């Protein structure tokens, strides 16, 4: 067994150990980077050099900006606005989870956090308007998938950083193309869910829906003569929204229009907003996605050690189908999809990215390769064995959970079987 083979074996053991209670993949990856590095003669300071500092700034900066928006109520205000706009129209009510998920993911909310927000919305609307729970869950999660490759989202950030570090040769329009690809995938699955549900006789149609109990007004309604106290409360709320939305817009304009570092922009805007709005910083810091930062930071550090040892060249040789780079990409898509079924999708994506240079060198489009692997790793997320499925089941009424569990399991198994193939066939050529 070569040193490269040893590092591959350790990576497989790391993923297998996630089934053990008390094991943290991020911590384990850091420990593995140190131990494998020491055993193979890589000094610890070189191991530390593999830590993705740029990624740390990006993910922390972007999520800090939107954590502040969540704490001060701006994100909830935006979601409430979506519900007010649909006014009980059946199709639009069904699309609320999709739009909400897409917006949350595209603006940097982590998939698990976005699911925690969208799942109660989707299942709540399902119970209130009599819409199929599985359809509403699919629409919500596919909305999140639609926004995951945004330049602000964790997948988009990871794709950008790793593509640059590996020299994939991504074109200038890649960020837009990746986002269009994820939006297209989510929209197609969304349309399919609506069509199948319609065919089965329980669809949203063009009619207006009446919630259970016949109440169609806003839950937040009140007397028309609110008085001065509510007026004063509304004025501070308006100023909070103006400050928050101005900060978000400024970050977007400066990062997209002037190519400034979005991570540092997000950190700066969040810092200023906390000061201007006089928000206690401790809750904002506590809500930062430190678990995700630890997970991806540890994995990328260990992947750096593996690359230094030549492990990914070895894996590429083992997985390469001679004479067909596209079939090799299809194999990678299925590996990503099957592994993601019960493991962390972002961890699988991060681990699969170093395998792409070989297929790109063989002639596959770099954008198509990234899209295919990224979407293959997330399209299988709707299953009851992972975090996403658990959050969906937790948001469902207790009496519907057994049926919904079976539906989610069937959907997940079907998506593992056909999802990577469809994603590869549609997006691998981009």
Protein backbone atom coordinates (compact mmCIF):
# COMPACT_ATOMS: atom_id res chain seq x y z
CA UNK A 1 0.00 0.00 0.00
CA UNK A 2 1.36 3.40 -1.01
CA UNK A 3 1.20 6.57 1.08
CA UNK A 4 -1.48 7.88 -1.28
CA UNK A 5 -3.53 4.71 -0.75
CA UNK A 6 -3.20 5.13 3.01
CA UNK A 7 -4.57 8.67 2.88
CA UNK A 8 -7.52 7.46 0.77
CA UNK A 9 -8.25 4.71 3.29
CA UNK A 10 -8.20 7.27 6.12
CA UNK A 11 -10.69 9.45 4.20
CA UNK A 12 -13.05 6.49 3.81
CA UNK A 13 -12.72 5.71 7.51
CA UNK A 14 -13.55 9.32 8.35
CA UNK A 15 -16.83 9.11 6.44
CA UNK A 16 -17.62 5.70 7.91
CA UNK A 17 -16.99 7.03 11.42
CA UNK A 18 -19.81 9.58 11.02
CA UNK A 19 -22.12 6.68 11.92
CA UNK A 20 -20.54 6.57 15.39
CA UNK A 21 -22.14 8.56 18.16
CA UNK A 22 -19.90 11.37 19.34
CA UNK A 23 -17.77 11.58 16.21
CA UNK A 24 -17.37 14.97 14.54
CA UNK A 25 -16.17 14.86 10.94
CA UNK A 26 -14.57 18.31 11.05
CA UNK A 27 -12.53 17.56 14.17
CA UNK A 28 -11.67 14.13 12.82
CA UNK A 29 -10.45 15.61 9.55
CA UNK A 30 -8.13 18.05 11.35
CA UNK A 31 -6.78 15.21 13.47
CA UNK A 32 -6.31 13.04 10.39
CA UNK A 33 -4.48 15.86 8.58
CA UNK A 34 -2.06 16.16 11.49
CA UNK A 35 -1.53 12.42 12.00
CA UNK A 36 -1.21 11.51 8.31
CA UNK A 37 1.00 14.54 7.75
CA UNK A 38 3.26 13.57 10.65
CA UNK A 39 3.42 9.94 9.51
CA UNK A 40 4.39 10.95 5.98
CA UNK A 41 6.90 13.66 6.91
CA UNK A 42 4.78 16.77 6.26
CA UNK A 43 5.62 19.38 8.95
CA UNK A 44 2.69 20.64 11.00
CA UNK A 45 3.14 24.22 9.79
CA UNK A 46 2.70 22.99 6.21
CA UNK A 47 -0.45 21.14 7.28
CA UNK A 48 -1.72 24.39 8.79
CA UNK A 49 -0.99 26.07 5.47
CA UNK A 50 -3.62 23.85 3.83
CA UNK A 51 -6.35 25.46 5.96
CA UNK A 52 -8.65 27.43 3.58
CA UNK A 53 -8.32 30.92 5.06
CA UNK A 54 -10.05 32.55 2.08
CA UNK A 55 -13.01 30.23 2.48
CA UNK A 56 -13.18 31.02 6.19
CA UNK A 57 -13.45 34.76 5.47
CA UNK A 58 -16.04 34.22 2.75
CA UNK A 59 -18.39 31.94 4.64
CA UNK A 60 -18.14 33.82 7.92
CA UNK A 61 -18.57 37.21 6.23
CA UNK A 62 -21.59 36.24 4.17
CA UNK A 63 -23.36 34.40 6.97
CA UNK A 64 -22.63 37.20 9.45
CA UNK A 65 -24.48 39.64 7.20
CA UNK A 66 -27.57 37.46 6.97
CA UNK A 67 -27.44 36.37 10.59
CA UNK A 68 -27.90 40.02 11.56
CA UNK A 69 -30.83 40.23 9.11
CA UNK A 70 -32.41 37.20 10.77
CA UNK A 71 -31.91 38.50 14.30
CA UNK A 72 -33.38 41.95 13.59
CA UNK A 73 -36.44 40.48 11.85
CA UNK A 74 -35.76 41.60 8.29
CA UNK A 75 -35.74 38.07 6.86
CA UNK A 76 -39.02 37.21 8.62
CA UNK A 77 -40.52 40.45 7.31
CA UNK A 78 -39.56 39.46 3.76
CA UNK A 79 -41.14 36.01 4.15
CA UNK A 80 -44.32 37.52 5.59
CA UNK A 81 -44.42 39.80 2.56
CA UNK A 82 -44.39 36.77 0.27
CA UNK A 83 -47.42 35.30 2.05
CA UNK A 84 -49.32 38.59 1.85
CA UNK A 85 -48.65 38.81 -1.89
CA UNK A 86 -50.19 35.42 -2.77
CA UNK A 87 -53.58 36.23 -1.15
CA UNK A 88 -54.71 32.60 -0.99
CA UNK A 89 -54.20 31.80 -4.68
CA UNK A 90 -53.66 28.04 -4.78
CA UNK A 91 -50.69 27.83 -7.13
CA UNK A 92 -48.98 30.83 -5.56
CA UNK A 93 -49.50 29.43 -2.06
CA UNK A 94 -47.80 26.21 -3.21
CA UNK A 95 -44.89 28.20 -4.63
CA UNK A 96 -44.23 30.20 -1.44
CA UNK A 97 -41.89 27.52 0.04
CA UNK A 98 -40.01 27.32 -3.27
CA UNK A 99 -39.48 31.08 -3.54
CA UNK A 100 -38.65 31.41 0.17
CA UNK A 101 -36.11 28.57 -0.02
CA UNK A 102 -34.50 29.98 -3.16
CA UNK A 103 -34.14 33.46 -1.65
CA UNK A 104 -32.77 32.19 1.66
CA UNK A 105 -30.21 29.91 0.00
CA UNK A 106 -29.19 32.44 -2.65
CA UNK A 107 -28.50 35.08 -0.02
CA UNK A 108 -26.18 32.86 1.99
CA UNK A 109 -28.38 30.97 4.46
CA UNK A 110 -26.89 27.53 5.04
CA UNK A 111 -29.00 24.62 3.70
CA UNK A 112 -29.81 23.19 7.14
CA UNK A 113 -30.78 26.63 8.49
CA UNK A 114 -32.83 27.38 5.37
CA UNK A 115 -34.59 24.03 5.73
CA UNK A 116 -35.33 24.77 9.39
CA UNK A 117 -37.07 27.97 8.24
CA UNK A 118 -38.79 26.64 5.11
CA UNK A 119 -40.01 23.26 6.41
CA UNK A 120 -42.46 24.76 8.96
CA UNK A 121 -43.69 27.19 6.28
CA UNK A 122 -44.23 24.38 3.76
CA UNK A 123 -45.90 21.95 6.16
CA UNK A 124 -47.88 24.72 7.84
CA UNK A 125 -49.32 25.84 4.51
CA UNK A 126 -49.99 22.19 3.67
CA UNK A 127 -52.08 21.72 6.82
CA UNK A 128 -53.79 25.10 6.53
CA UNK A 129 -54.80 24.85 2.86
CA UNK A 130 -55.10 21.08 2.42
CA UNK A 131 -52.17 20.78 0.02
CA UNK A 132 -50.18 17.48 -0.23
CA UNK A 133 -47.38 17.47 2.38
CA UNK A 134 -44.84 15.70 0.14
CA UNK A 135 -45.39 18.18 -2.68
CA UNK A 136 -44.94 21.14 -0.33
CA UNK A 137 -41.78 19.60 1.17
CA UNK A 138 -40.33 18.96 -2.29
CA UNK A 139 -41.10 22.52 -3.41
CA UNK A 140 -39.41 23.98 -0.34
CA UNK A 141 -36.25 21.88 -0.58
CA UNK A 142 -36.01 22.34 -4.35
CA UNK A 143 -36.20 26.08 -3.75
CA UNK A 144 -33.19 25.78 -1.46
CA UNK A 145 -31.40 23.72 -4.12
CA UNK A 146 -32.18 26.46 -6.66
CA UNK A 147 -30.20 29.04 -4.73
CA UNK A 148 -27.30 26.91 -3.52
CA UNK A 149 -24.91 27.84 -6.33
CA UNK A 150 -25.40 31.57 -5.90
CA UNK A 151 -22.09 33.46 -5.48
CA UNK A 152 -23.23 34.16 -1.89
CA UNK A 153 -24.23 30.60 -1.00
CA UNK A 154 -22.02 27.99 0.63
CA UNK A 155 -21.94 25.76 -2.47
CA UNK A 156 -21.27 28.72 -4.75
CA UNK A 157 -18.47 29.97 -2.48
CA UNK A 158 -16.95 26.48 -2.28
CA UNK A 159 -17.18 25.96 -6.05
CA UNK A 160 -15.52 29.33 -6.70
CA UNK A 161 -12.71 28.84 -4.19
CA UNK A 162 -11.85 25.26 -5.09
CA UNK A 163 -12.12 25.85 -8.85
CA UNK A 164 -9.66 28.72 -8.56
CA UNK A 165 -7.24 26.81 -6.33
CA UNK A 166 -7.28 23.76 -8.63
CA UNK A 167 -6.94 25.79 -11.83
CA UNK A 168 -10.09 24.43 -13.46
CA UNK A 169 -10.12 27.31 -15.92
CA UNK A 170 -13.66 28.47 -15.17
CA UNK A 171 -14.88 31.22 -17.56
CA UNK A 172 -15.75 34.71 -16.31
CA UNK A 173 -19.47 33.98 -16.61
CA UNK A 174 -19.19 30.84 -14.44
CA UNK A 175 -20.87 32.31 -11.30
CA UNK A 176 -23.93 33.33 -13.31
CA UNK A 177 -24.01 30.04 -15.23
CA UNK A 178 -23.78 27.99 -12.03
CA UNK A 179 -26.66 29.94 -10.50
CA UNK A 180 -28.75 29.58 -13.68
CA UNK A 181 -28.04 25.85 -13.64
CA UNK A 182 -29.16 25.36 -10.03
CA UNK A 183 -32.25 27.53 -10.63
CA UNK A 184 -33.10 25.47 -13.71
CA UNK A 185 -32.72 22.18 -11.84
CA UNK A 186 -34.89 23.37 -8.97
CA UNK A 187 -37.55 24.80 -11.28
CA UNK A 188 -37.75 21.60 -13.33
CA UNK A 189 -38.22 19.42 -10.26
CA UNK A 190 -40.73 21.95 -8.91
CA UNK A 191 -42.72 21.80 -12.16
CA UNK A 192 -42.54 18.01 -12.10
CA UNK A 193 -43.87 17.85 -8.52
CA UNK A 194 -46.78 20.14 -9.41
CA UNK A 195 -47.56 18.15 -12.56
CA UNK A 196 -47.48 14.75 -10.83
CA UNK A 197 -49.63 16.06 -7.99
CA UNK A 198 -52.10 17.47 -10.51
CA UNK A 199 -52.19 14.13 -12.34
CA UNK A 200 -52.91 12.32 -9.06
CA UNK A 201 -55.89 14.58 -8.44
CA UNK A 202 -54.65 16.75 -5.58
CA UNK A 203 -53.13 19.76 -7.28
CA UNK A 204 -53.01 23.42 -6.69
CA UNK A 205 -55.19 25.04 -9.35
CA UNK A 206 -55.97 28.63 -10.22
CA UNK A 207 -58.65 28.98 -7.58
CA UNK A 208 -58.29 30.81 -4.29
CA UNK A 209 -57.90 28.65 -1.22
CA UNK A 210 -59.62 29.22 2.09
CA UNK A 211 -57.66 28.25 5.20
CA UNK A 212 -59.10 25.81 7.72
CA UNK A 213 -61.79 27.60 9.71
CA UNK A 214 -62.52 29.98 6.85
CA UNK A 215 -60.16 32.71 8.09
CA UNK A 216 -58.55 34.53 5.17
CA UNK A 217 -57.18 37.60 6.86
CA UNK A 218 -53.73 38.23 8.22
CA UNK A 219 -52.86 36.62 11.51
CA UNK A 220 -51.21 39.85 12.48
CA UNK A 221 -54.30 41.96 11.95
CA UNK A 222 -55.47 44.45 14.54
CA UNK A 223 -57.69 47.47 15.08
CA UNK A 224 -57.58 50.12 12.38
CA UNK A 225 -56.99 52.83 14.97
CA UNK A 226 -53.59 51.59 16.09
CA UNK A 227 -52.61 54.76 17.90
CA UNK A 228 -49.28 56.44 18.40
CA UNK A 229 -47.48 53.60 20.19
CA UNK A 230 -47.70 51.23 17.20
CA UNK A 231 -46.70 54.14 14.95
CA UNK A 232 -43.55 54.67 16.99
CA UNK A 233 -42.85 50.93 16.93
CA UNK A 234 -43.29 50.84 13.16
CA UNK A 235 -40.86 53.72 12.66
CA UNK A 236 -37.91 51.91 14.39
CA UNK A 237 -38.84 48.71 12.50
CA UNK A 238 -38.72 50.62 9.23
CA UNK A 239 -35.33 52.11 10.06
CA UNK A 240 -33.99 48.63 10.92
CA UNK A 241 -35.14 47.31 7.54
CA UNK A 242 -33.65 50.27 5.68
CA UNK A 243 -30.25 49.83 7.37
CA UNK A 244 -30.27 46.06 6.83
CA UNK A 245 -31.39 46.10 3.20
CA UNK A 246 -29.00 48.96 2.39
CA UNK A 247 -26.11 46.97 3.81
CA UNK A 248 -27.08 43.87 1.83
CA UNK A 249 -27.49 45.85 -1.40
CA UNK A 250 -24.14 47.59 -0.89
CA UNK A 251 -22.35 44.28 -0.41
CA UNK A 252 -23.92 42.89 -3.57
CA UNK A 253 -23.09 45.94 -5.68
CA UNK A 254 -19.48 46.21 -4.50
CA UNK A 255 -18.79 42.49 -4.77
CA UNK A 256 -20.46 41.88 -8.14
CA UNK A 257 -19.89 45.25 -9.79
CA UNK A 258 -16.43 46.09 -8.44
CA UNK A 259 -15.03 42.60 -7.74
CA UNK A 260 -14.35 43.37 -4.07
CA UNK A 261 -13.96 40.53 -1.56
CA UNK A 262 -17.48 39.63 -0.51
CA UNK A 263 -16.34 37.98 2.72
CA UNK A 264 -14.67 41.11 4.05
CA UNK A 265 -17.57 43.22 2.75
CA UNK A 266 -20.04 41.05 4.64
CA UNK A 267 -18.02 41.20 7.85
CA UNK A 268 -17.71 44.99 7.58
CA UNK A 269 -21.42 45.48 6.87
CA UNK A 270 -22.44 43.17 9.73
CA UNK A 271 -20.12 44.98 12.12
CA UNK A 272 -21.55 48.38 11.14
CA UNK A 273 -25.14 47.14 11.37
CA UNK A 274 -24.58 45.79 14.87
CA UNK A 275 -23.23 49.19 15.91
CA UNK A 276 -25.86 51.31 14.14
CA UNK A 277 -28.80 49.19 15.28
CA UNK A 278 -27.31 48.67 18.77
CA UNK A 279 -27.71 44.89 18.58
CA UNK A 280 -25.94 42.78 21.17
CA UNK A 281 -23.25 40.92 19.16
CA UNK A 282 -23.17 37.75 21.27
CA UNK A 283 -26.34 36.19 19.74
CA UNK A 284 -25.10 37.01 16.24
CA UNK A 285 -21.73 35.39 16.90
CA UNK A 286 -23.42 32.37 18.53
CA UNK A 287 -25.58 31.85 15.45
CA UNK A 288 -22.63 31.80 13.08
CA UNK A 289 -22.26 28.41 11.32
CA UNK A 290 -19.20 27.35 13.26
CA UNK A 291 -20.07 23.69 12.76
CA UNK A 292 -20.03 24.09 8.97
CA UNK A 293 -16.82 26.15 9.13
CA UNK A 294 -15.22 23.39 11.22
CA UNK A 295 -16.50 20.68 8.88
CA UNK A 296 -15.36 22.26 5.61
CA UNK A 297 -12.18 23.71 7.11
CA UNK A 298 -11.16 20.30 8.44
CA UNK A 299 -12.01 18.47 5.24
CA UNK A 300 -10.21 20.97 3.01
CA UNK A 301 -7.15 20.83 5.26
CA UNK A 302 -7.07 17.04 5.03
CA UNK A 303 -7.74 17.21 1.28
CA UNK A 304 -4.69 19.50 1.02
CA UNK A 305 -2.60 16.79 2.68
CA UNK A 306 -4.05 14.19 0.31
CA UNK A 307 -3.26 16.33 -2.73
CA UNK A 308 0.29 16.79 -1.51
CA UNK A 309 0.60 13.01 -1.30
CA UNK A 310 -0.84 12.47 -4.80
CA UNK A 311 -4.00 10.74 -3.55
CA UNK A 312 -6.41 12.36 -5.99
CA UNK A 313 -4.31 11.43 -8.99
CA UNK A 314 -4.54 7.87 -7.68
CA UNK A 315 -8.34 8.10 -7.28
CA UNK A 316 -8.69 9.63 -10.75
CA UNK A 317 -6.72 6.75 -12.24
CA UNK A 318 -8.97 4.22 -10.49
CA UNK A 319 -12.22 5.93 -11.57
CA UNK A 320 -11.24 6.87 -15.10
CA UNK A 321 -13.16 5.11 -17.84
CA UNK A 322 -10.74 4.98 -20.73
CA UNK A 323 -11.89 6.82 -23.83
CA UNK A 324 -14.90 8.53 -22.24
CA UNK A 325 -14.51 11.50 -19.93
CA UNK A 326 -18.30 11.93 -19.79
CA UNK A 327 -18.83 8.40 -18.49
CA UNK A 328 -16.17 9.09 -15.86
CA UNK A 329 -18.15 12.20 -14.87
CA UNK A 330 -21.32 10.09 -14.66
CA UNK A 331 -19.53 7.71 -12.30
CA UNK A 332 -18.48 10.64 -10.12
CA UNK A 333 -22.08 11.91 -10.09
CA UNK A 334 -23.37 8.56 -8.85
CA UNK A 335 -20.65 8.35 -6.19
CA UNK A 336 -21.62 11.85 -4.99
CA UNK A 337 -25.34 11.05 -5.00
CA UNK A 338 -25.11 7.69 -3.25
CA UNK A 339 -22.70 9.01 -0.61
CA UNK A 340 -24.83 12.09 0.01
CA UNK A 341 -27.93 10.02 0.68
CA UNK A 342 -26.85 9.44 4.27
CA UNK A 343 -23.87 11.81 4.60
CA UNK A 344 -23.40 15.59 4.55
CA UNK A 345 -23.92 16.84 0.99
CA UNK A 346 -21.48 19.74 1.34
CA UNK A 347 -18.84 17.37 2.73
CA UNK A 348 -19.31 15.08 -0.26
CA UNK A 349 -19.14 18.01 -2.69
CA UNK A 350 -15.97 19.37 -1.09
CA UNK A 351 -14.36 15.93 -1.29
CA UNK A 352 -15.42 15.31 -4.89
CA UNK A 353 -14.19 18.64 -6.28
CA UNK A 354 -10.47 17.63 -6.43
CA UNK A 355 -11.46 14.78 -8.77
CA UNK A 356 -12.74 17.18 -11.43
CA UNK A 357 -9.45 18.45 -12.93
CA UNK A 358 -8.82 15.05 -14.53
CA UNK A 359 -12.19 14.97 -16.33
CA UNK A 360 -11.83 18.63 -17.32
CA UNK A 361 -8.39 17.91 -18.80
CA UNK A 362 -10.00 15.05 -20.74
CA UNK A 363 -12.38 17.48 -22.43
CA UNK A 364 -15.40 17.98 -20.13
CA UNK A 365 -16.61 21.56 -19.61
CA UNK A 366 -15.46 22.82 -16.19
CA UNK A 367 -18.83 24.50 -15.56
CA UNK A 368 -20.69 21.34 -16.56
CA UNK A 369 -18.51 19.17 -14.35
CA UNK A 370 -19.02 21.39 -11.28
CA UNK A 371 -22.77 21.65 -11.92
CA UNK A 372 -23.20 17.91 -12.39
CA UNK A 373 -21.32 16.91 -9.23
CA UNK A 374 -22.80 19.70 -7.10
CA UNK A 375 -26.40 18.97 -8.11
CA UNK A 376 -25.89 15.21 -7.81
CA UNK A 377 -24.79 15.70 -4.21
CA UNK A 378 -27.88 17.74 -3.24
CA UNK A 379 -30.70 16.36 -5.39
CA UNK A 380 -30.90 13.31 -3.10
CA UNK A 381 -31.29 15.39 0.06
CA UNK A 382 -35.04 14.81 0.42
CA UNK A 383 -34.93 11.57 2.35
CA UNK A 384 -35.89 10.82 5.96
CA UNK A 385 -32.45 9.51 6.89
CA UNK A 386 -30.66 12.86 6.82
CA UNK A 387 -30.92 16.28 8.43
CA UNK A 388 -33.23 17.61 5.73
CA UNK A 389 -35.74 14.80 6.10
CA UNK A 390 -35.59 15.03 9.87
CA UNK A 391 -36.43 18.73 9.78
CA UNK A 392 -39.32 18.09 7.40
CA UNK A 393 -40.75 15.32 9.58
CA UNK A 394 -40.31 17.47 12.67
CA UNK A 395 -42.38 20.24 11.09
CA UNK A 396 -45.21 17.89 10.04
CA UNK A 397 -48.27 17.19 12.24
CA UNK A 398 -47.74 14.01 14.25
CA UNK A 399 -50.59 12.14 12.56
CA UNK A 400 -49.09 12.65 9.08
CA UNK A 401 -45.51 11.66 9.94
CA UNK A 402 -45.71 7.87 9.28
CA UNK A 403 -47.15 8.41 5.78
CA UNK A 404 -44.79 11.28 5.05
CA UNK A 405 -41.82 9.16 6.20
CA UNK A 406 -42.67 6.44 3.68
CA UNK A 407 -43.19 9.02 0.93
CA UNK A 408 -39.88 10.73 1.67
CA UNK A 409 -38.03 7.40 1.74
CA UNK A 410 -39.48 6.36 -1.63
CA UNK A 411 -38.71 9.77 -3.11
CA UNK A 412 -35.15 9.61 -1.78
CA UNK A 413 -34.51 6.12 -3.18
CA UNK A 414 -35.87 7.10 -6.59
CA UNK A 415 -33.77 10.28 -6.61
CA UNK A 416 -30.60 8.28 -5.86
CA UNK A 417 -31.37 5.91 -8.73
CA UNK A 418 -32.22 8.47 -11.42
CA UNK A 419 -31.16 11.89 -10.08
CA UNK A 420 -27.43 11.72 -10.89
CA UNK A 421 -28.20 10.35 -14.37
CA UNK A 422 -30.63 13.15 -15.18
CA UNK A 423 -28.33 15.82 -13.75
CA UNK A 424 -25.40 14.45 -15.75
CA UNK A 425 -27.43 14.22 -18.96
CA UNK A 426 -28.77 17.77 -18.67
CA UNK A 427 -25.91 19.73 -17.08
CA UNK A 428 -22.73 17.76 -17.79
CA UNK A 429 -22.53 19.32 -21.24
CA UNK A 430 -22.85 22.98 -20.16
